[in-house]
Amino acid sequence: MKYSIPELAEIQTLTSRINTIQSLPDNPMGAERVVRGNTHAFAVKEIPGPAFNTVRGLNSYDLKYLDEILFFYKELSISFRIEVTPLNSSDQLFRKLSDMEYYQSGFHSSFIRSVSSIKSGSLSTTIEVRPLKKDEFNLFSAIYVNAFGLPTFIQDGIQQNNQILYDVPGWNFYLALRQNVPVGIGVLYVEGELATLAAAATLPAYRGMGVQRALLNKRIEKAVEQGAKYITSEAVFGSSSHRNMERQGMKLAYTKAIWTKR
């Protein structure tokens, strides 16, 4: 298995999203991206949190760019995190981050699956999953906010930064229904041979009913149809999402070290 693939897919997915957000007139969300060597620094000033404000690909060879990258975030006055894969880790890198008052604050898991391991007929489900319609992103954002217990005032932002991706090549949005009731959402991004299960959420009252399994099935099926050879995803280590990934044949590629400022 090629263990560099999950990080490459993650970077491709974030790059497409950030570039699209940045292309809005006057860049109202403050989306920016800096690439130095193999290191990618992503930022969306008006959407706080680690989802978009993150450094990927940092390794010991790119430490010469670290001051520039940190200044990039300082100018934007936003918090961010640095995600280091086992392939990129080194004593030199970790010592440098520690010297600059960063500490390892957690772990995050990356998963991968080769489509060659998917058997025909293995993706059936009793939950209906269909493509999300372009005028349903208010429903998409409502489910997302409810599922993650987020404040409602960010719902409009979530709606906007996903709706703008609807016509961008590679992006696919899905709605899960149980007895015609919308209960979950899922996102798939495909670029070349790599597919990313980009996001998913289930309303709390409908958890444990196979909604996430159905969304995984549909997105894996569509990734294969669109020519992907590898399917990747991320999840909090040991979470229900982690367990769902493994049940659907996704293999744990590695856990990333998450570094944040003291």
Protein backbone atom coordinates (compact mmCIF):
# COMPACT_ATOMS: atom_id res chain seq x y z
CA MET A 1 0.00 0.00 0.00
CA LYS A 2 1.30 3.48 -0.87
CA TYR A 3 1.18 5.32 2.45
CA SER A 4 1.81 8.73 0.86
CA ILE A 5 -1.54 8.52 -0.96
CA PRO A 6 -3.86 9.62 1.88
CA GLU A 7 -1.95 12.84 2.49
CA LEU A 8 -1.80 13.60 -1.24
CA ALA A 9 -5.57 13.09 -1.50
CA GLU A 10 -6.17 15.31 1.54
CA ILE A 11 -4.03 18.08 0.03
CA GLN A 12 -5.80 17.80 -3.35
CA THR A 13 -9.20 18.04 -1.68
CA LEU A 14 -8.32 21.05 0.47
CA THR A 15 -6.62 22.78 -2.45
CA SER A 16 -9.76 22.50 -4.61
CA ARG A 17 -11.97 23.76 -1.79
CA ILE A 18 -9.72 26.67 -0.78
CA ASN A 19 -9.14 27.76 -4.37
CA THR A 20 -12.89 27.79 -5.02
CA ILE A 21 -13.64 29.78 -1.86
CA GLN A 22 -10.84 32.20 -2.74
CA SER A 23 -12.29 32.71 -6.23
CA LEU A 24 -15.45 34.34 -4.86
CA PRO A 25 -15.65 38.08 -5.65
CA ASP A 26 -13.47 40.00 -3.17
CA ASN A 27 -12.66 36.72 -1.37
CA PRO A 28 -15.15 37.48 1.47
CA MET A 29 -14.12 34.49 3.59
CA GLY A 30 -10.43 35.35 3.49
CA ALA A 31 -9.25 32.09 1.92
CA GLU A 32 -5.49 31.84 1.36
CA ARG A 33 -2.93 29.16 0.58
CA VAL A 34 0.85 29.09 0.71
CA VAL A 35 2.95 26.27 -0.79
CA ARG A 36 6.64 25.91 0.05
CA GLY A 37 8.42 22.76 -1.03
CA ASN A 38 6.08 19.90 -0.17
CA THR A 39 4.39 21.88 2.59
CA HIS A 40 0.90 23.32 2.10
CA ALA A 41 -0.48 25.95 4.49
CA PHE A 42 -4.25 26.49 4.21
CA ALA A 43 -6.29 29.27 5.81
CA VAL A 44 -9.85 30.58 5.76
CA LYS A 45 -9.96 33.54 8.12
CA GLU A 46 -13.76 33.72 8.43
CA ILE A 47 -14.16 30.00 9.18
CA PRO A 48 -12.30 29.35 12.44
CA GLY A 49 -11.26 25.87 13.46
CA PRO A 50 -8.84 23.23 12.18
CA ALA A 51 -10.82 22.00 9.17
CA PHE A 52 -9.45 24.67 6.83
CA ASN A 53 -6.70 26.27 8.93
CA THR A 54 -4.07 23.59 8.76
CA VAL A 55 -0.56 22.75 7.57
CA ARG A 56 -0.09 19.53 5.60
CA GLY A 57 3.06 17.92 4.23
CA LEU A 58 5.58 19.53 6.59
CA ASN A 59 8.84 17.59 6.80
CA SER A 60 12.42 18.20 7.92
CA TYR A 61 13.50 19.32 4.43
CA ASP A 62 10.96 22.17 4.53
CA LEU A 63 11.95 23.49 7.95
CA LYS A 64 13.71 26.37 6.20
CA TYR A 65 10.23 27.63 5.27
CA LEU A 66 8.71 27.28 8.73
CA ASP A 67 9.25 30.90 9.81
CA GLU A 68 7.56 32.13 6.62
CA ILE A 69 4.61 29.78 7.14
CA LEU A 70 4.15 30.82 10.76
CA PHE A 71 4.28 34.49 9.74
CA PHE A 72 1.57 33.77 7.16
CA TYR A 73 -0.81 32.74 9.94
CA LYS A 74 0.35 35.52 12.26
CA GLU A 75 -0.58 38.13 9.64
CA LEU A 76 -4.04 36.59 9.36
CA SER A 77 -4.41 36.47 13.17
CA ILE A 78 -5.86 32.96 13.15
CA SER A 79 -5.17 29.77 15.02
CA PHE A 80 -4.12 26.69 13.07
CA ARG A 81 -2.69 23.24 13.55
CA ILE A 82 0.15 21.28 11.96
CA GLU A 83 -0.53 17.69 10.92
CA VAL A 84 2.55 15.45 10.64
CA THR A 85 2.35 11.99 9.11
CA PRO A 86 4.69 9.18 10.17
CA LEU A 87 6.40 9.36 6.76
CA ASN A 88 7.25 13.03 7.35
CA SER A 89 8.17 12.75 11.01
CA SER A 90 11.71 13.07 12.30
CA ASP A 91 13.53 13.94 15.48
CA GLN A 92 14.71 17.16 13.85
CA LEU A 93 11.17 18.23 12.92
CA PHE A 94 9.69 17.49 16.33
CA ARG A 95 12.50 19.23 18.18
CA LYS A 96 12.09 22.32 15.99
CA LEU A 97 8.35 22.48 16.61
CA SER A 98 8.90 22.07 20.33
CA ASP A 99 11.56 24.81 20.33
CA MET A 100 9.01 27.11 18.67
CA GLU A 101 6.52 26.42 21.48
CA TYR A 102 4.31 23.91 19.67
CA TYR A 103 3.24 20.70 21.33
CA GLN A 104 1.60 17.48 20.22
CA SER A 105 -2.03 17.91 21.18
CA GLY A 106 -3.56 14.77 19.66
CA PHE A 107 -3.80 12.22 16.89
CA HIS A 108 -5.92 11.94 13.75
CA SER A 109 -6.39 8.88 11.57
CA SER A 110 -6.09 8.52 7.80
CA PHE A 111 -7.63 5.59 5.94
CA ILE A 112 -7.17 4.05 2.52
CA ARG A 113 -8.74 1.36 0.38
CA SER A 114 -7.83 0.06 -3.06
CA VAL A 115 -10.81 -0.34 -5.37
CA SER A 116 -9.40 -3.73 -6.41
CA SER A 117 -10.64 -5.05 -3.05
CA ILE A 118 -14.26 -4.04 -3.78
CA LYS A 119 -16.45 -6.88 -4.97
CA SER A 120 -19.46 -6.38 -7.21
CA GLY A 121 -22.71 -6.40 -5.25
CA SER A 122 -21.04 -5.75 -1.89
CA LEU A 123 -22.33 -2.19 -1.54
CA SER A 124 -26.07 -2.74 -1.05
CA THR A 125 -27.96 -0.80 1.62
CA THR A 126 -31.48 -0.36 2.98
CA ILE A 127 -31.07 3.42 3.46
CA GLU A 128 -31.83 5.58 0.41
CA VAL A 129 -28.91 7.76 -0.64
CA ARG A 130 -29.34 10.13 -3.57
CA PRO A 131 -27.44 13.10 -5.02
CA LEU A 132 -28.11 16.36 -3.23
CA LYS A 133 -29.94 18.90 -5.39
CA LYS A 134 -28.46 22.33 -5.96
CA ASP A 135 -31.28 24.05 -4.06
CA GLU A 136 -30.93 21.75 -1.02
CA PHE A 137 -27.80 23.19 0.56
CA ASN A 138 -29.88 24.87 3.26
CA LEU A 139 -30.93 21.35 4.25
CA PHE A 140 -27.33 20.14 3.93
CA SER A 141 -26.03 22.84 6.29
CA ALA A 142 -28.89 22.34 8.78
CA ILE A 143 -28.09 18.63 9.05
CA TYR A 144 -24.37 19.37 9.36
CA VAL A 145 -24.84 21.92 12.15
CA ASN A 146 -27.31 19.73 14.05
CA ALA A 147 -25.16 16.61 13.70
CA PHE A 148 -22.02 18.24 15.10
CA GLY A 149 -23.75 20.45 17.67
CA LEU A 150 -22.43 23.63 16.06
CA PRO A 151 -23.87 27.12 16.65
CA THR A 152 -26.62 27.98 14.18
CA PHE A 153 -25.06 31.31 13.26
CA ILE A 154 -22.41 29.50 11.17
CA GLN A 155 -25.02 27.62 9.13
CA ASP A 156 -25.09 30.20 6.34
CA GLY A 157 -21.32 30.01 6.00
CA ILE A 158 -21.39 26.22 5.78
CA GLN A 159 -24.12 26.42 3.16
CA GLN A 160 -22.17 28.92 1.07
CA ASN A 161 -18.75 27.23 1.18
CA ASN A 162 -20.25 23.92 0.09
CA GLN A 163 -22.78 25.21 -2.44
CA ILE A 164 -20.03 26.94 -4.42
CA LEU A 165 -18.44 23.52 -4.99
CA TYR A 166 -21.56 22.01 -6.57
CA ASP A 167 -20.48 22.62 -10.17
CA VAL A 168 -16.75 22.22 -9.56
CA PRO A 169 -15.43 19.06 -11.26
CA GLY A 170 -14.84 16.19 -8.86
CA TRP A 171 -17.23 17.26 -6.10
CA ASN A 172 -20.26 15.09 -5.29
CA PHE A 173 -22.84 15.73 -2.54
CA TYR A 174 -25.32 13.17 -1.20
CA LEU A 175 -28.42 13.12 0.99
CA ALA A 176 -29.41 10.07 3.05
CA LEU A 177 -33.07 9.43 3.78
CA ARG A 178 -34.86 7.01 6.06
CA GLN A 179 -38.51 6.52 5.16
CA ASN A 180 -38.28 9.71 3.04
CA VAL A 181 -36.95 11.73 6.02
CA PRO A 182 -33.56 13.49 5.40
CA VAL A 183 -31.23 12.13 8.08
CA GLY A 184 -27.66 12.54 6.85
CA ILE A 185 -25.28 14.02 4.31
CA GLY A 186 -22.06 12.92 2.66
CA VAL A 187 -19.42 14.49 0.40
CA LEU A 188 -17.08 12.85 -2.11
CA TYR A 189 -14.19 14.44 -4.02
CA VAL A 190 -12.49 12.63 -6.91
CA GLU A 191 -9.37 13.87 -8.68
CA GLY A 192 -7.52 11.54 -11.00
CA GLU A 193 -7.00 8.16 -9.35
CA LEU A 194 -7.70 9.45 -5.84
CA ALA A 195 -11.07 9.76 -4.14
CA THR A 196 -11.66 11.41 -0.77
CA LEU A 197 -14.65 10.76 1.48
CA ALA A 198 -14.58 14.43 2.38
CA ALA A 199 -17.34 14.85 4.99
CA ALA A 200 -20.36 13.07 6.45
CA ALA A 201 -22.91 13.71 9.19
CA THR A 202 -25.97 11.99 10.66
CA LEU A 203 -28.69 13.60 12.76
CA PRO A 204 -28.34 12.43 16.39
CA ALA A 205 -31.80 10.82 16.52
CA TYR A 206 -30.91 8.53 13.59
CA ARG A 207 -27.49 7.27 14.65
CA GLY A 208 -26.96 3.55 14.90
CA MET A 209 -29.38 2.89 12.04
CA GLY A 210 -26.86 2.38 9.25
CA VAL A 211 -26.94 5.90 7.82
CA GLN A 212 -23.17 6.37 7.76
CA ARG A 213 -22.69 2.89 6.36
CA ALA A 214 -25.10 3.73 3.54
CA LEU A 215 -23.33 7.02 2.80
CA LEU A 216 -19.97 5.23 2.74
CA ASN A 217 -21.36 2.59 0.38
CA LYS A 218 -22.76 5.13 -2.07
CA ARG A 219 -19.63 7.27 -2.15
CA ILE A 220 -17.34 4.28 -2.59
CA GLU A 221 -19.56 3.04 -5.42
CA LYS A 222 -19.46 6.44 -7.15
CA ALA A 223 -15.71 6.78 -6.67
CA VAL A 224 -15.22 3.50 -8.52
CA GLU A 225 -17.57 4.66 -11.30
CA GLN A 226 -15.52 7.85 -11.68
CA GLY A 227 -12.27 5.96 -12.17
CA ALA A 228 -10.64 6.21 -8.75
CA LYS A 229 -8.09 3.53 -7.86
CA TYR A 230 -7.75 4.52 -4.21
CA ILE A 231 -10.31 5.78 -1.72
CA THR A 232 -9.17 7.78 1.30
CA SER A 233 -10.70 9.40 4.34
CA GLU A 234 -9.97 10.84 7.78
CA ALA A 235 -11.52 10.32 11.22
CA VAL A 236 -10.82 10.88 14.89
CA PHE A 237 -8.90 7.87 16.16
CA GLY A 238 -11.16 5.32 17.86
CA SER A 239 -14.36 7.24 17.01
CA SER A 240 -17.57 5.78 15.60
CA SER A 241 -16.48 7.16 12.21
CA HIS A 242 -13.21 5.24 12.60
CA ARG A 243 -15.13 2.03 13.26
CA ASN A 244 -17.49 2.66 10.32
CA MET A 245 -14.52 3.09 8.00
CA GLU A 246 -13.06 -0.24 9.03
CA ARG A 247 -16.41 -2.03 8.72
CA GLN A 248 -16.58 -0.86 5.09
CA GLY A 249 -13.13 -2.19 4.28
CA MET A 250 -11.13 1.01 4.76
CA LYS A 251 -7.71 0.27 6.25
CA LEU A 252 -5.94 2.46 8.77
CA ALA A 253 -2.96 3.88 6.86
CA TYR A 254 -1.52 5.80 9.82
CA THR A 255 -2.29 8.19 12.64
CA LYS A 256 -1.03 11.75 12.22
CA ALA A 257 0.49 13.79 15.04
CA ILE A 258 -1.42 17.03 15.61
CA TRP A 259 0.69 19.96 16.78
CA THR A 260 -0.70 23.23 18.14
CA LYS A 261 0.66 26.39 19.72
CA ARG A 262 1.13 26.44 23.49
